[in-house]
Amino acid sequence: MPFRAATALTAMAGVSILLAGCSLLNPGPPRDENGRVTEATTISARDLLKGDCFSFNSADGSVVAEVTVMPCINAHDYLVIAQGSLTPAQVAASSSLQDAVSSACAGPFAEFKAGVKSETRPEQQFLVFPEDDKEDANQNYSCISTDPDQASNARTEPEDSATPEPTP
């Protein structure tokens, strides 16, 4: 019995080391206890979370593979206002993937837009990435918006947290 316990502990330690190695290779941006980004970091656009403030890394925004995510108090171009996933059936029920995502983002964008204090109106956009390489993969999306109010209106909460009050 002691041999089995030692073998099990060794196996668990090996798995823990492998998992730790994965997080060391892609640790993501530094975040505080509330999930807010604390330091500007280049990440895959797939790794953005609701409430993240970011800018595209290409001058014209045409390359979306990587973005610079940053604390929302820093000047930024976009804010992630919602995220979700669409099944192939949901996409097929719409006239196109773009229409399906646009429809899914319409409510969160209307809510965000209603809270904007600036006279500059926000512009809605979205990012879409297949969940995996399979032909019938779900489509993960991020609803993003320009952020005219910047830090004063930034939704900096993690997905399951309440919206914090802006600090003066």
N, C-alpha and C. Protein backbone atom coordinates (compact mmCIF):
# COMPACT_ATOMS: atom_id res chain seq x y z
N MET A 1 0.81 -1.20 0.00
CA MET A 1 0.00 0.00 0.00
C MET A 1 0.85 1.27 0.00
N PRO A 2 1.96 1.34 0.80
CA PRO A 2 2.79 2.54 0.79
C PRO A 2 3.37 2.80 -0.60
N PHE A 3 3.68 1.73 -1.36
CA PHE A 3 4.22 1.91 -2.71
C PHE A 3 3.18 2.58 -3.61
N ARG A 4 1.91 2.17 -3.53
CA ARG A 4 0.84 2.78 -4.34
C ARG A 4 0.66 4.24 -3.98
N ALA A 5 0.68 4.55 -2.69
CA ALA A 5 0.52 5.94 -2.26
C ALA A 5 1.67 6.79 -2.80
N ALA A 6 2.89 6.27 -2.73
CA ALA A 6 4.05 7.01 -3.23
C ALA A 6 3.95 7.20 -4.73
N THR A 7 3.49 6.17 -5.44
CA THR A 7 3.33 6.28 -6.89
C THR A 7 2.26 7.32 -7.24
N ALA A 8 1.16 7.30 -6.51
CA ALA A 8 0.09 8.27 -6.76
C ALA A 8 0.57 9.69 -6.50
N LEU A 9 1.29 9.88 -5.40
CA LEU A 9 1.82 11.21 -5.09
C LEU A 9 2.80 11.68 -6.15
N THR A 10 3.63 10.79 -6.63
CA THR A 10 4.59 11.13 -7.68
C THR A 10 3.86 11.52 -8.96
N ALA A 11 2.81 10.77 -9.30
CA ALA A 11 2.03 11.08 -10.50
C ALA A 11 1.35 12.43 -10.37
N MET A 12 0.75 12.70 -9.19
CA MET A 12 0.09 13.99 -8.98
C MET A 12 1.09 15.13 -9.04
N ALA A 13 2.26 14.93 -8.48
CA ALA A 13 3.29 15.97 -8.53
C ALA A 13 3.70 16.24 -9.97
N GLY A 14 3.83 15.17 -10.77
CA GLY A 14 4.18 15.34 -12.18
C GLY A 14 3.12 16.12 -12.94
N VAL A 15 1.85 15.80 -12.70
CA VAL A 15 0.76 16.53 -13.36
C VAL A 15 0.77 17.98 -12.92
N SER A 16 0.99 18.24 -11.63
CA SER A 16 1.03 19.61 -11.12
C SER A 16 2.14 20.40 -11.78
N ILE A 17 3.30 19.78 -11.94
CA ILE A 17 4.42 20.47 -12.59
C ILE A 17 4.09 20.78 -14.04
N LEU A 18 3.47 19.83 -14.74
CA LEU A 18 3.08 20.08 -16.12
C LEU A 18 2.07 21.21 -16.22
N LEU A 19 1.07 21.22 -15.34
CA LEU A 19 0.08 22.30 -15.37
C LEU A 19 0.71 23.63 -15.02
N ALA A 20 1.60 23.65 -14.07
CA ALA A 20 2.29 24.88 -13.72
C ALA A 20 3.12 25.37 -14.89
N GLY A 21 3.73 24.45 -15.61
CA GLY A 21 4.51 24.82 -16.78
C GLY A 21 3.65 25.48 -17.83
N CYS A 22 2.42 24.99 -18.03
CA CYS A 22 1.51 25.60 -19.00
C CYS A 22 1.20 27.03 -18.60
N SER A 23 0.93 27.26 -17.32
CA SER A 23 0.61 28.61 -16.89
C SER A 23 1.85 29.50 -16.93
N LEU A 24 3.03 28.94 -16.79
CA LEU A 24 4.24 29.74 -16.90
C LEU A 24 4.48 30.16 -18.34
N LEU A 25 4.12 29.31 -19.29
CA LEU A 25 4.30 29.64 -20.69
C LEU A 25 3.28 30.67 -21.16
N ASN A 26 2.08 30.68 -20.59
CA ASN A 26 1.03 31.62 -20.96
C ASN A 26 0.33 32.10 -19.70
N PRO A 27 1.02 32.90 -18.89
CA PRO A 27 0.44 33.30 -17.62
C PRO A 27 -0.67 34.34 -17.76
N GLY A 28 -0.79 34.96 -18.92
CA GLY A 28 -1.78 36.03 -19.07
C GLY A 28 -1.27 37.30 -18.42
N PRO A 29 -2.05 38.35 -18.54
CA PRO A 29 -1.60 39.62 -17.97
C PRO A 29 -1.72 39.59 -16.44
N PRO A 30 -0.90 40.38 -15.77
CA PRO A 30 -1.05 40.47 -14.31
C PRO A 30 -2.41 41.10 -13.98
N ARG A 31 -3.10 40.51 -13.02
CA ARG A 31 -4.43 41.00 -12.62
C ARG A 31 -4.48 41.15 -11.10
N ASP A 32 -5.30 42.07 -10.63
CA ASP A 32 -5.48 42.22 -9.18
C ASP A 32 -6.51 41.21 -8.69
N GLU A 33 -6.83 41.27 -7.41
CA GLU A 33 -7.75 40.30 -6.81
C GLU A 33 -9.16 40.38 -7.41
N ASN A 34 -9.49 41.47 -8.08
CA ASN A 34 -10.80 41.62 -8.73
C ASN A 34 -10.77 41.24 -10.20
N GLY A 35 -9.61 40.78 -10.69
CA GLY A 35 -9.49 40.37 -12.08
C GLY A 35 -9.14 41.49 -13.04
N ARG A 36 -8.88 42.68 -12.52
CA ARG A 36 -8.53 43.82 -13.37
C ARG A 36 -7.06 43.76 -13.76
N VAL A 37 -6.78 44.06 -15.02
CA VAL A 37 -5.39 44.08 -15.50
C VAL A 37 -4.63 45.19 -14.78
N THR A 38 -3.42 44.87 -14.32
CA THR A 38 -2.62 45.83 -13.56
C THR A 38 -1.40 46.35 -14.32
N GLU A 39 -1.09 45.72 -15.46
CA GLU A 39 0.10 46.11 -16.22
C GLU A 39 -0.14 45.83 -17.70
N ALA A 40 0.23 46.77 -18.56
CA ALA A 40 0.07 46.57 -20.00
C ALA A 40 0.84 45.34 -20.45
N THR A 41 0.17 44.48 -21.21
CA THR A 41 0.75 43.21 -21.64
C THR A 41 0.22 42.85 -23.02
N THR A 42 1.07 42.34 -23.89
CA THR A 42 0.62 41.84 -25.18
C THR A 42 0.11 40.42 -24.98
N ILE A 43 -1.13 40.18 -25.44
CA ILE A 43 -1.75 38.86 -25.30
C ILE A 43 -2.46 38.51 -26.61
N SER A 44 -2.85 37.26 -26.72
CA SER A 44 -3.69 36.84 -27.83
C SER A 44 -5.06 37.47 -27.65
N ALA A 45 -5.65 37.95 -28.72
CA ALA A 45 -7.00 38.53 -28.63
C ALA A 45 -8.00 37.52 -28.11
N ARG A 46 -7.74 36.23 -28.29
CA ARG A 46 -8.61 35.17 -27.75
C ARG A 46 -8.66 35.19 -26.23
N ASP A 47 -7.63 35.74 -25.59
CA ASP A 47 -7.52 35.69 -24.14
C ASP A 47 -8.12 36.91 -23.43
N LEU A 48 -8.73 37.81 -24.20
CA LEU A 48 -9.39 38.95 -23.58
C LEU A 48 -10.54 38.48 -22.71
N LEU A 49 -10.81 39.21 -21.64
CA LEU A 49 -11.93 38.92 -20.75
C LEU A 49 -12.86 40.13 -20.70
N LYS A 50 -14.11 39.87 -20.34
CA LYS A 50 -15.07 40.96 -20.18
C LYS A 50 -14.50 41.98 -19.20
N GLY A 51 -14.57 43.25 -19.57
CA GLY A 51 -14.03 44.33 -18.74
C GLY A 51 -12.63 44.73 -19.10
N ASP A 52 -11.94 43.97 -19.97
CA ASP A 52 -10.57 44.32 -20.36
C ASP A 52 -10.56 45.53 -21.29
N CYS A 53 -9.61 46.41 -21.05
CA CYS A 53 -9.37 47.56 -21.92
C CYS A 53 -8.13 47.23 -22.75
N PHE A 54 -8.17 47.58 -24.05
CA PHE A 54 -7.05 47.17 -24.90
C PHE A 54 -6.98 48.04 -26.15
N SER A 55 -5.87 47.87 -26.87
CA SER A 55 -5.67 48.48 -28.18
C SER A 55 -5.10 47.40 -29.09
N PHE A 56 -5.45 47.49 -30.37
CA PHE A 56 -4.88 46.57 -31.34
C PHE A 56 -3.42 46.92 -31.54
N ASN A 57 -2.60 45.94 -31.87
CA ASN A 57 -1.18 46.16 -32.04
C ASN A 57 -0.79 46.66 -33.42
N SER A 58 -1.69 46.55 -34.41
CA SER A 58 -1.38 47.10 -35.73
C SER A 58 -2.01 48.49 -35.83
N ALA A 59 -1.35 49.36 -36.54
CA ALA A 59 -1.78 50.75 -36.62
C ALA A 59 -3.22 50.89 -37.13
N ASP A 60 -3.62 50.05 -38.09
CA ASP A 60 -4.97 50.18 -38.65
C ASP A 60 -5.96 49.19 -38.05
N GLY A 61 -5.54 48.39 -37.05
CA GLY A 61 -6.43 47.44 -36.41
C GLY A 61 -6.76 46.23 -37.25
N SER A 62 -6.04 46.04 -38.37
CA SER A 62 -6.36 44.94 -39.27
C SER A 62 -5.83 43.59 -38.77
N VAL A 63 -4.83 43.61 -37.89
CA VAL A 63 -4.30 42.38 -37.35
C VAL A 63 -4.84 42.23 -35.94
N VAL A 64 -5.66 41.21 -35.73
CA VAL A 64 -6.31 41.07 -34.43
C VAL A 64 -5.79 39.90 -33.62
N ALA A 65 -4.76 39.23 -34.11
CA ALA A 65 -4.23 38.06 -33.39
C ALA A 65 -3.71 38.45 -32.01
N GLU A 66 -3.04 39.57 -31.90
CA GLU A 66 -2.50 40.03 -30.63
C GLU A 66 -2.98 41.45 -30.35
N VAL A 67 -3.20 41.71 -29.07
CA VAL A 67 -3.61 43.04 -28.62
C VAL A 67 -2.77 43.40 -27.40
N THR A 68 -2.77 44.67 -27.06
CA THR A 68 -2.15 45.10 -25.81
C THR A 68 -3.28 45.41 -24.85
N VAL A 69 -3.37 44.58 -23.82
CA VAL A 69 -4.38 44.78 -22.77
C VAL A 69 -3.71 45.61 -21.68
N MET A 70 -4.48 46.49 -21.04
CA MET A 70 -3.87 47.42 -20.08
C MET A 70 -4.87 47.81 -19.00
N PRO A 71 -4.38 48.40 -17.92
CA PRO A 71 -5.31 48.92 -16.93
C PRO A 71 -6.23 49.95 -17.60
N CYS A 72 -7.49 49.95 -17.23
CA CYS A 72 -8.45 50.84 -17.88
C CYS A 72 -8.19 52.32 -17.59
N ILE A 73 -7.34 52.62 -16.62
CA ILE A 73 -7.00 54.01 -16.37
C ILE A 73 -6.02 54.54 -17.40
N ASN A 74 -5.35 53.64 -18.16
CA ASN A 74 -4.45 54.03 -19.24
C ASN A 74 -5.27 54.32 -20.49
N ALA A 75 -4.74 55.19 -21.34
CA ALA A 75 -5.41 55.46 -22.62
C ALA A 75 -5.48 54.16 -23.41
N HIS A 76 -6.66 53.86 -23.94
CA HIS A 76 -6.89 52.63 -24.70
C HIS A 76 -7.93 52.92 -25.77
N ASP A 77 -8.05 52.00 -26.71
CA ASP A 77 -9.01 52.20 -27.79
C ASP A 77 -10.33 51.46 -27.58
N TYR A 78 -10.26 50.28 -26.97
CA TYR A 78 -11.45 49.43 -26.88
C TYR A 78 -11.65 48.86 -25.49
N LEU A 79 -12.88 48.44 -25.26
CA LEU A 79 -13.29 47.81 -24.02
C LEU A 79 -14.13 46.59 -24.37
N VAL A 80 -13.87 45.46 -23.72
CA VAL A 80 -14.70 44.26 -23.92
C VAL A 80 -15.93 44.42 -23.05
N ILE A 81 -17.11 44.50 -23.68
CA ILE A 81 -18.34 44.74 -22.93
C ILE A 81 -19.16 43.47 -22.71
N ALA A 82 -18.91 42.42 -23.46
CA ALA A 82 -19.63 41.15 -23.28
C ALA A 82 -18.89 40.06 -24.05
N GLN A 83 -19.16 38.82 -23.68
CA GLN A 83 -18.58 37.68 -24.38
C GLN A 83 -19.60 36.55 -24.40
N GLY A 84 -19.42 35.65 -25.34
CA GLY A 84 -20.31 34.50 -25.41
C GLY A 84 -19.85 33.52 -26.46
N SER A 85 -20.72 32.58 -26.77
CA SER A 85 -20.43 31.55 -27.75
C SER A 85 -21.69 31.25 -28.54
N LEU A 86 -21.54 31.04 -29.82
CA LEU A 86 -22.66 30.69 -30.69
C LEU A 86 -22.45 29.28 -31.24
N THR A 87 -23.49 28.49 -31.22
CA THR A 87 -23.43 27.14 -31.78
C THR A 87 -23.60 27.24 -33.29
N PRO A 88 -23.21 26.21 -34.03
CA PRO A 88 -23.44 26.21 -35.47
C PRO A 88 -24.93 26.40 -35.81
N ALA A 89 -25.83 25.85 -35.00
CA ALA A 89 -27.27 26.01 -35.25
C ALA A 89 -27.69 27.47 -35.10
N GLN A 90 -27.14 28.17 -34.12
CA GLN A 90 -27.46 29.59 -33.93
C GLN A 90 -26.95 30.42 -35.10
N VAL A 91 -25.78 30.08 -35.58
CA VAL A 91 -25.22 30.80 -36.73
C VAL A 91 -26.07 30.52 -37.97
N ALA A 92 -26.45 29.24 -38.17
CA ALA A 92 -27.26 28.86 -39.34
C ALA A 92 -28.63 29.54 -39.32
N ALA A 93 -29.18 29.79 -38.14
CA ALA A 93 -30.49 30.43 -38.02
C ALA A 93 -30.44 31.91 -38.43
N SER A 94 -29.24 32.46 -38.45
CA SER A 94 -29.04 33.84 -38.89
C SER A 94 -28.58 33.82 -40.33
N SER A 95 -28.56 34.96 -40.97
CA SER A 95 -28.14 34.97 -42.37
C SER A 95 -26.63 34.83 -42.53
N SER A 96 -25.87 35.11 -41.45
CA SER A 96 -24.41 34.98 -41.51
C SER A 96 -23.85 34.99 -40.09
N LEU A 97 -22.60 34.60 -39.96
CA LEU A 97 -21.93 34.66 -38.66
C LEU A 97 -21.90 36.11 -38.16
N GLN A 98 -21.61 37.04 -39.06
CA GLN A 98 -21.56 38.45 -38.67
C GLN A 98 -22.90 38.91 -38.11
N ASP A 99 -24.00 38.54 -38.76
CA ASP A 99 -25.32 38.93 -38.26
C ASP A 99 -25.62 38.28 -36.92
N ALA A 100 -25.23 37.01 -36.75
CA ALA A 100 -25.48 36.31 -35.49
C ALA A 100 -24.73 36.98 -34.34
N VAL A 101 -23.48 37.33 -34.55
CA VAL A 101 -22.68 37.98 -33.50
C VAL A 101 -23.20 39.40 -33.27
N SER A 102 -23.51 40.11 -34.32
CA SER A 102 -24.02 41.46 -34.19
C SER A 102 -25.32 41.46 -33.36
N SER A 103 -26.16 40.50 -33.61
CA SER A 103 -27.41 40.37 -32.85
C SER A 103 -27.13 40.05 -31.39
N ALA A 104 -26.18 39.15 -31.14
CA ALA A 104 -25.83 38.78 -29.76
C ALA A 104 -25.23 39.96 -29.00
N CYS A 105 -24.52 40.85 -29.71
CA CYS A 105 -23.86 41.99 -29.08
C CYS A 105 -24.77 43.22 -28.98
N ALA A 106 -25.92 43.21 -29.65
CA ALA A 106 -26.78 44.39 -29.70
C ALA A 106 -27.23 44.85 -28.32
N GLY A 107 -27.70 43.93 -27.48
CA GLY A 107 -28.17 44.30 -26.14
C GLY A 107 -27.06 44.87 -25.27
N PRO A 108 -25.93 44.15 -25.13
CA PRO A 108 -24.83 44.70 -24.32
C PRO A 108 -24.33 46.05 -24.84
N PHE A 109 -24.31 46.22 -26.16
CA PHE A 109 -23.84 47.50 -26.71
C PHE A 109 -24.84 48.61 -26.39
N ALA A 110 -26.14 48.35 -26.51
CA ALA A 110 -27.15 49.36 -26.20
C ALA A 110 -27.04 49.79 -24.74
N GLU A 111 -26.83 48.83 -23.86
CA GLU A 111 -26.67 49.13 -22.43
C GLU A 111 -25.42 49.96 -22.19
N PHE A 112 -24.31 49.57 -22.82
CA PHE A 112 -23.06 50.32 -22.67
C PHE A 112 -23.24 51.75 -23.21
N LYS A 113 -23.81 51.85 -24.39
CA LYS A 113 -23.99 53.15 -25.05
C LYS A 113 -24.86 54.09 -24.20
N ALA A 114 -25.87 53.54 -23.56
CA ALA A 114 -26.76 54.35 -22.72
C ALA A 114 -26.02 54.95 -21.53
N GLY A 115 -24.94 54.30 -21.08
CA GLY A 115 -24.19 54.80 -19.94
C GLY A 115 -23.04 55.73 -20.28
N VAL A 116 -22.77 55.93 -21.58
CA VAL A 116 -21.67 56.79 -21.99
C VAL A 116 -22.01 58.25 -21.72
N LYS A 117 -21.10 58.94 -21.06
CA LYS A 117 -21.31 60.34 -20.70
C LYS A 117 -20.77 61.31 -21.76
N SER A 118 -19.80 60.88 -22.52
CA SER A 118 -19.16 61.71 -23.53
C SER A 118 -20.14 62.01 -24.66
N GLU A 119 -19.92 63.14 -25.34
CA GLU A 119 -20.72 63.44 -26.52
C GLU A 119 -20.29 62.60 -27.71
N THR A 120 -19.07 62.05 -27.65
CA THR A 120 -18.61 61.15 -28.70
C THR A 120 -19.31 59.81 -28.51
N ARG A 121 -19.95 59.33 -29.55
CA ARG A 121 -20.69 58.08 -29.47
C ARG A 121 -19.74 56.90 -29.65
N PRO A 122 -19.94 55.84 -28.88
CA PRO A 122 -19.09 54.66 -29.03
C PRO A 122 -19.42 53.93 -30.32
N GLU A 123 -18.46 53.17 -30.80
CA GLU A 123 -18.66 52.35 -32.00
C GLU A 123 -18.55 50.88 -31.61
N GLN A 124 -19.54 50.10 -32.04
CA GLN A 124 -19.57 48.68 -31.73
C GLN A 124 -18.73 47.90 -32.73
N GLN A 125 -17.99 46.94 -32.22
CA GLN A 125 -17.26 45.98 -33.04
C GLN A 125 -17.29 44.66 -32.31
N PHE A 126 -16.75 43.63 -32.90
CA PHE A 126 -16.66 42.35 -32.22
C PHE A 126 -15.52 41.54 -32.78
N LEU A 127 -15.06 40.60 -31.97
CA LEU A 127 -14.02 39.65 -32.36
C LEU A 127 -14.65 38.27 -32.30
N VAL A 128 -14.34 37.41 -33.28
CA VAL A 128 -14.89 36.07 -33.32
C VAL A 128 -13.77 35.08 -33.58
N PHE A 129 -13.74 34.02 -32.79
CA PHE A 129 -12.75 32.97 -32.94
C PHE A 129 -13.43 31.62 -32.81
N PRO A 130 -13.15 30.67 -33.71
CA PRO A 130 -13.72 29.34 -33.52
C PRO A 130 -13.19 28.72 -32.24
N GLU A 131 -14.05 27.96 -31.58
CA GLU A 131 -13.68 27.32 -30.31
C GLU A 131 -12.52 26.33 -30.49
N ASP A 132 -12.52 25.64 -31.63
CA ASP A 132 -11.43 24.72 -31.94
C ASP A 132 -11.33 24.58 -33.46
N ASP A 133 -10.52 23.65 -33.94
CA ASP A 133 -10.27 23.51 -35.37
C ASP A 133 -11.31 22.67 -36.11
N LYS A 134 -12.30 22.17 -35.41
CA LYS A 134 -13.32 21.35 -36.06
C LYS A 134 -14.23 22.22 -36.92
N GLU A 135 -14.69 21.64 -38.03
CA GLU A 135 -15.53 22.39 -38.97
C GLU A 135 -16.82 22.90 -38.32
N ASP A 136 -17.39 22.12 -37.41
CA ASP A 136 -18.66 22.51 -36.78
C ASP A 136 -18.45 23.10 -35.38
N ALA A 137 -17.35 23.79 -35.17
CA ALA A 137 -17.02 24.36 -33.87
C ALA A 137 -17.95 25.51 -33.51
N ASN A 138 -18.17 25.66 -32.22
CA ASN A 138 -18.86 26.86 -31.74
C ASN A 138 -17.98 28.07 -32.05
N GLN A 139 -18.60 29.22 -32.15
CA GLN A 139 -17.88 30.46 -32.41
C GLN A 139 -17.89 31.31 -31.13
N ASN A 140 -16.72 31.48 -30.52
CA ASN A 140 -16.60 32.34 -29.34
C ASN A 140 -16.46 33.79 -29.82
N TYR A 141 -17.13 34.69 -29.13
CA TYR A 141 -17.07 36.09 -29.55
C TYR A 141 -16.88 37.01 -28.35
N SER A 142 -16.30 38.17 -28.64
CA SER A 142 -16.18 39.26 -27.68
C SER A 142 -16.84 40.47 -28.30
N CYS A 143 -17.81 41.05 -27.61
CA CYS A 143 -18.41 42.31 -28.03
C CYS A 143 -17.49 43.41 -27.52
N ILE A 144 -17.02 44.23 -28.40
CA ILE A 144 -16.11 45.30 -27.99
C ILE A 144 -16.67 46.64 -28.45
N SER A 145 -16.23 47.68 -27.80
CA SER A 145 -16.67 49.02 -28.16
C SER A 145 -15.52 49.99 -27.97
N THR A 146 -15.54 51.04 -28.79
CA THR A 146 -14.64 52.14 -28.49
C THR A 146 -15.09 52.67 -27.13
N ASP A 147 -14.21 53.34 -26.43
CA ASP A 147 -14.50 53.75 -25.05
C ASP A 147 -14.33 55.26 -24.91
N PRO A 148 -15.35 56.04 -25.33
CA PRO A 148 -15.22 57.50 -25.30
C PRO A 148 -14.98 58.07 -23.90
N ASP A 149 -15.50 57.42 -22.88
CA ASP A 149 -15.33 57.92 -21.52
C ASP A 149 -14.05 57.44 -20.86
N GLN A 150 -13.35 56.51 -21.52
CA GLN A 150 -12.12 55.91 -20.98
C GLN A 150 -12.33 55.45 -19.55
N ALA A 151 -11.46 55.76 -18.64
CA ALA A 151 -11.48 55.18 -17.29
C ALA A 151 -12.74 55.54 -16.51
N SER A 152 -13.35 56.69 -16.79
CA SER A 152 -14.51 57.08 -15.98
C SER A 152 -15.72 56.20 -16.24
N ASN A 153 -15.78 55.55 -17.38
CA ASN A 153 -16.93 54.70 -17.69
C ASN A 153 -16.52 53.25 -17.92
N ALA A 154 -15.25 52.93 -17.70
CA ALA A 154 -14.76 51.59 -18.01
C ALA A 154 -15.43 50.54 -17.15
N ARG A 155 -15.92 49.52 -17.78
CA ARG A 155 -16.49 48.37 -17.07
C ARG A 155 -15.31 47.45 -16.76
N THR A 156 -14.72 47.59 -15.61
CA THR A 156 -13.48 46.88 -15.32
C THR A 156 -13.68 45.64 -14.46
N GLU A 157 -14.91 45.18 -14.34
CA GLU A 157 -15.15 44.01 -13.52
C GLU A 157 -14.87 42.72 -14.26
N PRO A 158 -14.48 41.67 -13.54
CA PRO A 158 -14.43 40.37 -14.18
C PRO A 158 -15.85 39.92 -14.47
N GLU A 159 -16.01 38.91 -15.29
CA GLU A 159 -17.32 38.50 -15.79
C GLU A 159 -18.36 38.26 -14.73
N ASP A 160 -18.01 37.67 -13.60
CA ASP A 160 -19.01 37.31 -12.60
C ASP A 160 -19.08 38.29 -11.43
N SER A 161 -18.52 39.47 -11.56
CA SER A 161 -18.52 40.42 -10.46
C SER A 161 -19.45 41.57 -10.74
N ALA A 162 -19.82 42.27 -9.69
CA ALA A 162 -20.65 43.45 -9.84
C ALA A 162 -19.82 44.59 -10.41
N THR A 163 -20.46 45.56 -11.05
CA THR A 163 -19.77 46.70 -11.61
C THR A 163 -19.30 47.61 -10.49
N PRO A 164 -17.99 47.86 -10.40
CA PRO A 164 -17.51 48.76 -9.34
C PRO A 164 -17.84 50.20 -9.69
N GLU A 165 -17.98 51.00 -8.68
CA GLU A 165 -18.21 52.42 -8.90
C GLU A 165 -16.90 53.05 -9.37
N PRO A 166 -16.99 53.96 -10.36
CA PRO A 166 -15.76 54.64 -10.81
C PRO A 166 -15.18 55.47 -9.68
N THR A 167 -13.87 55.55 -9.62
CA THR A 167 -13.22 56.36 -8.59
C THR A 167 -12.98 57.75 -9.16
N PRO A 168 -13.14 58.78 -8.32
CA PRO A 168 -12.95 60.17 -8.81
C PRO A 168 -11.53 60.46 -9.18
